[in-house]
C-alpha atoms as a PDB file:
ATOM      1  CA  UNK A   1      56.421 -16.523 161.530  1.00  0.00           C
ATOM      2  CA  UNK A   2      59.023 -15.282 164.013  1.00  0.00           C
ATOM      3  CA  UNK A   3      59.031 -18.688 165.660  1.00  0.00           C
ATOM      4  CA  UNK A   4      59.764 -20.289 162.286  1.00  0.00           C
ATOM      5  CA  UNK A   5      62.656 -17.894 161.669  1.00  0.00           C
ATOM      6  CA  UNK A   6      64.107 -18.678 165.081  1.00  0.00           C
ATOM      7  CA  UNK A   7      63.817 -22.400 164.385  1.00  0.00           C
ATOM      8  CA  UNK A   8      65.584 -22.036 161.012  1.00  0.00           C
ATOM      9  CA  UNK A   9      68.369 -19.955 162.616  1.00  0.00           C
ATOM     10  CA  UNK A  10      68.853 -22.575 165.312  1.00  0.00           C
ATOM     11  CA  UNK A  11      69.025 -25.352 162.737  1.00  0.00           C
ATOM     12  CA  UNK A  12      71.612 -23.428 160.711  1.00  0.00           C
ATOM     13  CA  UNK A  13      73.659 -23.018 163.855  1.00  0.00           C
ATOM     14  CA  UNK A  14      73.528 -26.761 164.483  1.00  0.00           C
ATOM     15  CA  UNK A  15      74.611 -27.445 160.912  1.00  0.00           C
ATOM     16  CA  UNK A  16      77.631 -25.186 161.360  1.00  0.00           C
ATOM     17  CA  UNK A  17      78.582 -26.841 164.621  1.00  0.00           C
ATOM     18  CA  UNK A  18      78.162 -30.339 163.201  1.00  0.00           C
ATOM     19  CA  UNK A  19      80.516 -29.403 160.371  1.00  0.00           C
ATOM     20  CA  UNK A  20      83.101 -28.279 162.934  1.00  0.00           C
ATOM     21  CA  UNK A  21      82.899 -24.622 161.867  1.00  0.00           C
ATOM     22  CA  UNK A  22      82.141 -21.634 164.035  1.00  0.00           C
ATOM     23  CA  UNK A  23      79.809 -18.954 162.751  1.00  0.00           C
ATOM     24  CA  UNK A  24      82.052 -16.293 161.261  1.00  0.00           C
ATOM     25  CA  UNK A  25      84.972 -18.632 160.578  1.00  0.00           C
ATOM     26  CA  UNK A  26      86.848 -18.001 157.335  1.00  0.00           C
ATOM     27  CA  UNK A  27      86.681 -20.589 154.540  1.00  0.00           C
ATOM     28  CA  UNK A  28      88.653 -21.119 151.338  1.00  0.00           C
ATOM     29  CA  UNK A  29      92.056 -20.664 153.032  1.00  0.00           C
ATOM     30  CA  UNK A  30      95.270 -21.400 151.134  1.00  0.00           C
ATOM     31  CA  UNK A  31      98.600 -21.496 152.973  1.00  0.00           C
ATOM     32  CA  UNK A  32     101.861 -20.352 151.371  1.00  0.00           C
ATOM     33  CA  UNK A  33     104.190 -21.245 154.230  1.00  0.00           C
ATOM     34  CA  UNK A  34     105.129 -24.235 156.399  1.00  0.00           C
ATOM     35  CA  UNK A  35     104.519 -22.367 159.649  1.00  0.00           C
ATOM     36  CA  UNK A  36     101.037 -21.319 158.566  1.00  0.00           C
ATOM     37  CA  UNK A  37     100.433 -24.915 157.410  1.00  0.00           C
ATOM     38  CA  UNK A  38     101.043 -26.120 160.945  1.00  0.00           C
ATOM     39  CA  UNK A  39      98.996 -23.344 162.529  1.00  0.00           C
ATOM     40  CA  UNK A  40      96.050 -24.256 160.293  1.00  0.00           C
ATOM     41  CA  UNK A  41      96.391 -27.900 161.274  1.00  0.00           C
ATOM     42  CA  UNK A  42      96.442 -26.875 164.924  1.00  0.00           C
ATOM     43  CA  UNK A  43      93.550 -24.393 164.970  1.00  0.00           C
ATOM     44  CA  UNK A  44      91.461 -24.509 161.785  1.00  0.00           C
ATOM     45  CA  UNK A  45      88.688 -26.881 160.873  1.00  0.00           C
ATOM     46  CA  UNK A  46      89.750 -28.992 157.843  1.00  0.00           C
ATOM     47  CA  UNK A  47      86.726 -27.671 155.945  1.00  0.00           C
ATOM     48  CA  UNK A  48      88.188 -24.155 156.136  1.00  0.00           C
ATOM     49  CA  UNK A  49      91.378 -25.076 154.256  1.00  0.00           C
ATOM     50  CA  UNK A  50      91.441 -25.374 150.482  1.00  0.00           C
ATOM     51  CA  UNK A  51      95.152 -26.261 150.213  1.00  0.00           C
ATOM     52  CA  UNK A  52      98.368 -26.324 152.217  1.00  0.00           C
ATOM     53  CA  UNK A  53     101.787 -25.252 150.934  1.00  0.00           C
ATOM     54  CA  UNK A  54     104.145 -27.586 149.030  1.00  0.00           C
ATOM     55  CA  UNK A  55     106.455 -27.408 152.068  1.00  0.00           C
ATOM     56  CA  UNK A  56     104.046 -29.418 154.213  1.00  0.00           C
ATOM     57  CA  UNK A  57     105.407 -32.803 153.103  1.00  0.00           C
ATOM     58  CA  UNK A  58     108.863 -31.620 152.115  1.00  0.00           C
ATOM     59  CA  UNK A  59     109.525 -31.010 155.827  1.00  0.00           C
ATOM     60  CA  UNK A  60     107.143 -33.660 157.079  1.00  0.00           C
ATOM     61  CA  UNK A  61     106.417 -34.002 160.800  1.00  0.00           C
ATOM     62  CA  UNK A  62     105.133 -37.313 162.154  1.00  0.00           C
ATOM     63  CA  UNK A  63     101.942 -35.782 163.531  1.00  0.00           C
ATOM     64  CA  UNK A  64     100.840 -34.346 160.160  1.00  0.00           C
ATOM     65  CA  UNK A  65      98.107 -36.474 158.499  1.00  0.00           C
ATOM     66  CA  UNK A  66      98.809 -37.954 155.094  1.00  0.00           C
ATOM     67  CA  UNK A  67      96.989 -37.044 151.864  1.00  0.00           C
ATOM     68  CA  UNK A  68      96.080 -33.470 152.751  1.00  0.00           C
ATOM     69  CA  UNK A  69      95.396 -31.139 149.791  1.00  0.00           C
ATOM     70  CA  UNK A  70      98.615 -29.403 148.749  1.00  0.00           C
ATOM     71  CA  UNK A  71      99.163 -26.875 145.947  1.00  0.00           C
ATOM     72  CA  UNK A  72     102.316 -26.897 143.848  1.00  0.00           C
ATOM     73  CA  UNK A  73     103.371 -23.327 144.667  1.00  0.00           C
ATOM     74  CA  UNK A  74     102.608 -21.937 141.211  1.00  0.00           C
ATOM     75  CA  UNK A  75     100.484 -18.869 140.591  1.00  0.00           C
ATOM     76  CA  UNK A  76      98.329 -20.792 138.143  1.00  0.00           C
ATOM     77  CA  UNK A  77      97.477 -23.602 140.543  1.00  0.00           C
ATOM     78  CA  UNK A  78      96.684 -21.235 143.388  1.00  0.00           C
ATOM     79  CA  UNK A  79      94.372 -19.138 141.214  1.00  0.00           C
ATOM     80  CA  UNK A  80      92.581 -22.299 140.101  1.00  0.00           C
ATOM     81  CA  UNK A  81      91.787 -22.981 143.760  1.00  0.00           C
ATOM     82  CA  UNK A  82      89.918 -19.631 143.957  1.00  0.00           C
ATOM     83  CA  UNK A  83      91.147 -18.845 147.471  1.00  0.00           C
ATOM     84  CA  UNK A  84      89.212 -16.524 149.738  1.00  0.00           C
ATOM     85  CA  UNK A  85      92.213 -15.974 152.000  1.00  0.00           C
ATOM     86  CA  UNK A  86      95.927 -16.641 151.535  1.00  0.00           C
ATOM     87  CA  UNK A  87      98.187 -16.784 154.594  1.00  0.00           C
ATOM     88  CA  UNK A  88     101.976 -16.669 154.677  1.00  0.00           C
ATOM     89  CA  UNK A  89     104.903 -15.992 156.972  1.00  0.00           C
ATOM     90  CA  UNK A  90     106.951 -12.873 156.301  1.00  0.00           C
ATOM     91  CA  UNK A  91     109.981 -14.628 154.776  1.00  0.00           C
ATOM     92  CA  UNK A  92     108.327 -17.056 152.377  1.00  0.00           C
ATOM     93  CA  UNK A  93     106.790 -16.770 148.894  1.00  0.00           C
ATOM     94  CA  UNK A  94     107.520 -13.028 148.723  1.00  0.00           C
ATOM     95  CA  UNK A  95     107.230 -12.600 144.936  1.00  0.00           C
ATOM     96  CA  UNK A  96     104.283 -14.992 144.719  1.00  0.00           C
ATOM     97  CA  UNK A  97     102.223 -13.245 147.362  1.00  0.00           C
ATOM     98  CA  UNK A  98     102.932  -9.816 145.830  1.00  0.00           C
ATOM     99  CA  UNK A  99     101.646 -11.052 142.490  1.00  0.00           C
ATOM    100  CA  UNK A 100      98.575 -12.528 144.155  1.00  0.00           C
ATOM    101  CA  UNK A 101      97.901  -9.184 145.838  1.00  0.00           C
ATOM    102  CA  UNK A 102      98.275  -7.360 142.517  1.00  0.00           C
ATOM    103  CA  UNK A 103      95.589  -9.637 141.097  1.00  0.00           C
ATOM    104  CA  UNK A 104      93.205  -8.631 143.867  1.00  0.00           C
ATOM    105  CA  UNK A 105      93.553 -11.608 146.177  1.00  0.00           C
ATOM    106  CA  UNK A 106      93.419 -11.210 149.951  1.00  0.00           C
ATOM    107  CA  UNK A 107      96.853 -12.063 151.338  1.00  0.00           C
ATOM    108  CA  UNK A 108      97.707 -11.865 155.040  1.00  0.00           C
ATOM    109  CA  UNK A 109     101.380 -11.910 156.081  1.00  0.00           C
ATOM    110  CA  UNK A 110     102.270 -12.862 159.647  1.00  0.00           C
ATOM    111  CA  UNK A 111     105.480 -11.676 161.281  1.00  0.00           C
ATOM    112  CA  UNK A 112     107.576 -14.509 162.673  1.00  0.00           C
ATOM    113  CA  UNK A 113     107.771 -14.345 166.494  1.00  0.00           C
ATOM    114  CA  UNK A 114     111.153 -13.526 167.982  1.00  0.00           C
ATOM    115  CA  UNK A 115     110.231 -13.754 171.690  1.00  0.00           C
ATOM    116  CA  UNK A 116     108.000 -15.925 173.826  1.00  0.00           C
ATOM    117  CA  UNK A 117     105.561 -13.039 174.330  1.00  0.00           C
ATOM    118  CA  UNK A 118     105.366 -12.412 170.592  1.00  0.00           C
ATOM    119  CA  UNK A 119     104.288 -16.036 170.029  1.00  0.00           C
ATOM    120  CA  UNK A 120     101.138 -15.224 171.976  1.00  0.00           C
ATOM    121  CA  UNK A 121     100.488 -12.151 169.839  1.00  0.00           C
ATOM    122  CA  UNK A 122     101.216 -14.147 166.663  1.00  0.00           C
ATOM    123  CA  UNK A 123      98.818 -16.860 167.734  1.00  0.00           C
ATOM    124  CA  UNK A 124      96.061 -14.385 168.639  1.00  0.00           C
ATOM    125  CA  UNK A 125      96.430 -12.663 165.248  1.00  0.00           C
ATOM    126  CA  UNK A 126      96.266 -15.993 163.438  1.00  0.00           C
ATOM    127  CA  UNK A 127      93.106 -17.019 165.288  1.00  0.00           C
ATOM    128  CA  UNK A 128      91.533 -13.671 164.415  1.00  0.00           C
ATOM    129  CA  UNK A 129      92.352 -14.088 160.712  1.00  0.00           C
ATOM    130  CA  UNK A 130      90.726 -17.512 160.435  1.00  0.00           C
ATOM    131  CA  UNK A 131      87.736 -16.517 162.574  1.00  0.00           C
ATOM    132  CA  UNK A 132      88.544 -18.903 165.425  1.00  0.00           C
ATOM    133  CA  UNK A 133      87.851 -18.413 169.119  1.00  0.00           C
ATOM    134  CA  UNK A 134      90.865 -16.538 170.492  1.00  0.00           C
ATOM    135  CA  UNK A 135      90.433 -18.181 173.874  1.00  0.00           C
ATOM    136  CA  UNK A 136      91.183 -21.596 172.363  1.00  0.00           C
ATOM    137  CA  UNK A 137      94.947 -20.982 172.371  1.00  0.00           C
ATOM    138  CA  UNK A 138      95.385 -19.084 175.628  1.00  0.00           C
ATOM    139  CA  UNK A 139      96.130 -21.961 178.005  1.00  0.00           C
ATOM    140  CA  UNK A 140      99.588 -22.628 179.450  1.00  0.00           C
ATOM    141  CA  UNK A 141     101.522 -19.465 178.630  1.00  0.00           C
ATOM    142  CA  UNK A 142     101.761 -18.205 182.220  1.00  0.00           C
ATOM    143  CA  UNK A 143     102.919 -21.419 183.848  1.00  0.00           C
ATOM    144  CA  UNK A 144     106.032 -20.950 185.991  1.00  0.00           C
ATOM    145  CA  UNK A 145     108.930 -23.420 186.156  1.00  0.00           C
ATOM    146  CA  UNK A 146     111.489 -23.533 189.011  1.00  0.00           C
ATOM    147  CA  UNK A 147     114.873 -21.944 188.199  1.00  0.00           C
ATOM    148  CA  UNK A 148     118.094 -23.937 188.400  1.00  0.00           C
ATOM    149  CA  UNK A 149     121.761 -23.007 188.388  1.00  0.00           C
ATOM    150  CA  UNK A 150     122.593 -25.292 185.482  1.00  0.00           C
ATOM    151  CA  UNK A 151     123.676 -24.399 181.961  1.00  0.00           C
ATOM    152  CA  UNK A 152     122.139 -25.759 178.792  1.00  0.00           C
ATOM    153  CA  UNK A 153     123.688 -25.605 175.311  1.00  0.00           C
ATOM    154  CA  UNK A 154     121.149 -25.472 172.499  1.00  0.00           C
ATOM    155  CA  UNK A 155     123.044 -26.996 169.588  1.00  0.00           C
ATOM    156  CA  UNK A 156     121.745 -26.671 166.038  1.00  0.00           C
ATOM    157  CA  UNK A 157     122.973 -27.789 162.642  1.00  0.00           C
ATOM    158  CA  UNK A 158     126.484 -26.901 161.406  1.00  0.00           C
ATOM    159  CA  UNK A 159     127.760 -26.426 164.954  1.00  0.00           C
ATOM    160  CA  UNK A 160     125.673 -23.312 165.550  1.00  0.00           C
ATOM    161  CA  UNK A 161     124.776 -22.496 169.149  1.00  0.00           C
ATOM    162  CA  UNK A 162     121.959 -20.228 170.257  1.00  0.00           C
ATOM    163  CA  UNK A 163     122.837 -17.263 172.450  1.00  0.00           C
ATOM    164  CA  UNK A 164     120.948 -14.444 174.102  1.00  0.00           C
ATOM    165  CA  UNK A 165     118.299 -12.145 172.592  1.00  0.00           C
ATOM    166  CA  UNK A 166     116.719 -15.027 170.686  1.00  0.00           C
ATOM    167  CA  UNK A 167     113.420 -16.848 170.915  1.00  0.00           C
ATOM    168  CA  UNK A 168     115.241 -20.050 171.834  1.00  0.00           C
ATOM    169  CA  UNK A 169     116.960 -18.255 174.725  1.00  0.00           C
ATOM    170  CA  UNK A 170     113.534 -17.163 175.981  1.00  0.00           C
ATOM    171  CA  UNK A 171     112.307 -20.757 175.869  1.00  0.00           C
ATOM    172  CA  UNK A 172     115.181 -22.341 177.785  1.00  0.00           C
ATOM    173  CA  UNK A 173     115.206 -19.565 180.406  1.00  0.00           C
ATOM    174  CA  UNK A 174     111.450 -19.948 180.866  1.00  0.00           C
ATOM    175  CA  UNK A 175     112.147 -23.636 181.532  1.00  0.00           C
ATOM    176  CA  UNK A 176     114.555 -22.630 184.312  1.00  0.00           C
ATOM    177  CA  UNK A 177     117.914 -23.127 182.618  1.00  0.00           C
ATOM    178  CA  UNK A 178     120.884 -20.781 182.256  1.00  0.00           C
ATOM    179  CA  UNK A 179     122.012 -20.356 178.655  1.00  0.00           C
ATOM    180  CA  UNK A 180     125.490 -21.837 178.201  1.00  0.00           C
ATOM    181  CA  UNK A 181     126.223 -19.217 175.527  1.00  0.00           C
ATOM    182  CA  UNK A 182     126.307 -15.666 176.881  1.00  0.00           C
ATOM    183  CA  UNK A 183     127.007 -14.096 173.472  1.00  0.00           C
ATOM    184  CA  UNK A 184     124.297 -12.362 171.472  1.00  0.00           C
ATOM    185  CA  UNK A 185     122.441 -14.227 168.709  1.00  0.00           C
ATOM    186  CA  UNK A 186     123.684 -17.347 166.903  1.00  0.00           C
ATOM    187  CA  UNK A 187     127.363 -18.272 167.150  1.00  0.00           C
ATOM    188  CA  UNK A 188     129.708 -20.836 165.609  1.00  0.00           C
ATOM    189  CA  UNK A 189     130.890 -23.173 168.336  1.00  0.00           C
ATOM    190  CA  UNK A 190     134.452 -24.352 168.977  1.00  0.00           C
ATOM    191  CA  UNK A 191     134.737 -28.024 169.888  1.00  0.00           C
ATOM    192  CA  UNK A 192     137.794 -27.518 172.112  1.00  0.00           C
ATOM    193  CA  UNK A 193     136.078 -24.916 174.298  1.00  0.00           C
ATOM    194  CA  UNK A 194     133.010 -27.082 174.824  1.00  0.00           C
ATOM    195  CA  UNK A 195     135.117 -30.108 175.806  1.00  0.00           C
ATOM    196  CA  UNK A 196     137.276 -28.016 178.152  1.00  0.00           C
ATOM    197  CA  UNK A 197     134.282 -26.310 179.759  1.00  0.00           C
ATOM    198  CA  UNK A 198     131.212 -28.469 179.104  1.00  0.00           C
ATOM    199  CA  UNK A 199     127.641 -27.359 179.809  1.00  0.00           C
ATOM    200  CA  UNK A 200     125.451 -29.223 182.287  1.00  0.00           C
ATOM    201  CA  UNK A 201     123.277 -30.419 179.407  1.00  0.00           C
ATOM    202  CA  UNK A 202     123.168 -30.293 175.612  1.00  0.00           C
ATOM    203  CA  UNK A 203     119.958 -30.148 173.599  1.00  0.00           C
ATOM    204  CA  UNK A 204     120.384 -30.939 169.912  1.00  0.00           C
ATOM    205  CA  UNK A 205     117.779 -29.248 167.746  1.00  0.00           C
ATOM    206  CA  UNK A 206     119.423 -30.473 164.522  1.00  0.00           C
ATOM    207  CA  UNK A 207     117.430 -32.825 162.263  1.00  0.00           C
ATOM    208  CA  UNK A 208     117.977 -36.562 162.618  1.00  0.00           C
ATOM    209  CA  UNK A 209     119.996 -37.230 159.479  1.00  0.00           C
ATOM    210  CA  UNK A 210     123.464 -38.097 158.236  1.00  0.00           C
ATOM    211  CA  UNK A 211     123.902 -34.789 156.438  1.00  0.00           C
ATOM    212  CA  UNK A 212     127.089 -32.743 156.628  1.00  0.00           C
ATOM    213  CA  UNK A 213     125.191 -30.238 158.753  1.00  0.00           C
ATOM    214  CA  UNK A 214     125.212 -32.805 161.565  1.00  0.00           C
ATOM    215  CA  UNK A 215     128.945 -33.565 161.585  1.00  0.00           C
ATOM    216  CA  UNK A 216     129.450 -31.367 164.650  1.00  0.00           C
ATOM    217  CA  UNK A 217     126.730 -32.940 166.776  1.00  0.00           C
ATOM    218  CA  UNK A 218     127.789 -36.467 165.706  1.00  0.00           C
ATOM    219  CA  UNK A 219     131.417 -35.897 166.750  1.00  0.00           C
ATOM    220  CA  UNK A 220     132.436 -38.455 169.439  1.00  0.00           C
ATOM    221  CA  UNK A 221     133.423 -35.700 171.878  1.00  0.00           C
ATOM    222  CA  UNK A 222     129.957 -34.108 171.706  1.00  0.00           C
ATOM    223  CA  UNK A 223     128.211 -37.477 171.759  1.00  0.00           C
ATOM    224  CA  UNK A 224     130.097 -38.469 174.914  1.00  0.00           C
ATOM    225  CA  UNK A 225     128.969 -35.279 176.650  1.00  0.00           C
ATOM    226  CA  UNK A 226     125.379 -35.853 175.599  1.00  0.00           C
ATOM    227  CA  UNK A 227     125.496 -39.467 176.777  1.00  0.00           C
ATOM    228  CA  UNK A 228     127.098 -38.549 180.101  1.00  0.00           C
ATOM    229  CA  UNK A 229     124.402 -35.983 180.809  1.00  0.00           C
ATOM    230  CA  UNK A 230     121.619 -38.281 179.595  1.00  0.00           C
ATOM    231  CA  UNK A 231     120.235 -35.481 177.456  1.00  0.00           C
ATOM    232  CA  UNK A 232     117.802 -36.646 174.762  1.00  0.00           C
ATOM    233  CA  UNK A 233     117.531 -35.207 171.273  1.00  0.00           C
ATOM    234  CA  UNK A 234     114.494 -33.029 170.729  1.00  0.00           C
ATOM    235  CA  UNK A 235     111.925 -33.175 167.972  1.00  0.00           C
ATOM    236  CA  UNK A 236     113.368 -30.861 165.362  1.00  0.00           C
ATOM    237  CA  UNK A 237     110.080 -29.820 163.802  1.00  0.00           C
ATOM    238  CA  UNK A 238     109.071 -27.917 166.951  1.00  0.00           C
ATOM    239  CA  UNK A 239     112.099 -25.635 166.572  1.00  0.00           C
ATOM    240  CA  UNK A 240     111.406 -24.822 162.911  1.00  0.00           C
ATOM    241  CA  UNK A 241     108.338 -22.679 163.518  1.00  0.00           C
ATOM    242  CA  UNK A 242     107.291 -20.842 166.687  1.00  0.00           C
ATOM    243  CA  UNK A 243     103.801 -21.731 167.835  1.00  0.00           C
ATOM    244  CA  UNK A 244     101.736 -23.311 170.597  1.00  0.00           C
ATOM    245  CA  UNK A 245     104.034 -26.356 170.460  1.00  0.00           C
ATOM    246  CA  UNK A 246     106.737 -24.112 171.927  1.00  0.00           C
ATOM    247  CA  UNK A 247     105.000 -24.716 175.260  1.00  0.00           C
ATOM    248  CA  UNK A 248     105.770 -28.419 174.856  1.00  0.00           C
ATOM    249  CA  UNK A 249     109.443 -27.564 174.364  1.00  0.00           C
ATOM    250  CA  UNK A 250     109.473 -25.518 177.557  1.00  0.00           C
ATOM    251  CA  UNK A 251     107.871 -28.315 179.535  1.00  0.00           C
ATOM    252  CA  UNK A 252     110.263 -30.885 178.077  1.00  0.00           C
ATOM    253  CA  UNK A 253     113.290 -28.734 178.895  1.00  0.00           C
ATOM    254  CA  UNK A 254     112.043 -28.143 182.443  1.00  0.00           C
ATOM    255  CA  UNK A 255     111.972 -31.899 183.158  1.00  0.00           C
ATOM    256  CA  UNK A 256     115.566 -32.583 182.190  1.00  0.00           C
ATOM    257  CA  UNK A 257     118.381 -33.124 184.666  1.00  0.00           C
ATOM    258  CA  UNK A 258     121.878 -31.863 184.063  1.00  0.00           C
ATOM    259  CA  UNK A 259     125.093 -33.462 185.238  1.00  0.00           C
END
């Protein structure tokens, strides 16, 4: 009899593995936030996810598969999905998630990382919530990159530059660069000062579009600096949400050459 029970247990374990699910992994997950959408795509088995947020295709990234299940963001639709776990970032769907909690649903809210170290903690917490192996996201964080005495300007939309005490500053310094902006936080840039005292390289994290938000980065003076320094434009989606892809940004930045 005991041998039969052991055989049944082993078979159940094989079934779980063949379905791509670990024993103890959480099922019936509904995401309320773009960042948690991407984390689920990175770490969860598709069978764990009941629906992604309506932001998934509004801010579509090329690597995201098409035709994934997406809810419309309404309370009614989400309740129809009968979620077992709802996950959101701290700044999104605030009223919706409060109402869901009031109705007895399990809602987990993740704080958005503000430093490179806090990305690791954020990732570990996410893996714990979905019942994934925490060791699966631990590779690459301690890699060291050689320092250089060259400045890099991280240029976002609307002519906003990224200064110190920011996650972005952590990333570019980890990659070995000196931040061109020594002011705290996010600052409005002045074209004349950049032209008079240019950085060794410019990284544009603004979306690839013809919107008014990109007038600054598309100005001929800025474009000439970017062309002279042979600095490519980064993939904007990786700057929108901190996550394991931040390691790719660090590696990419470390390979660049300034003027």
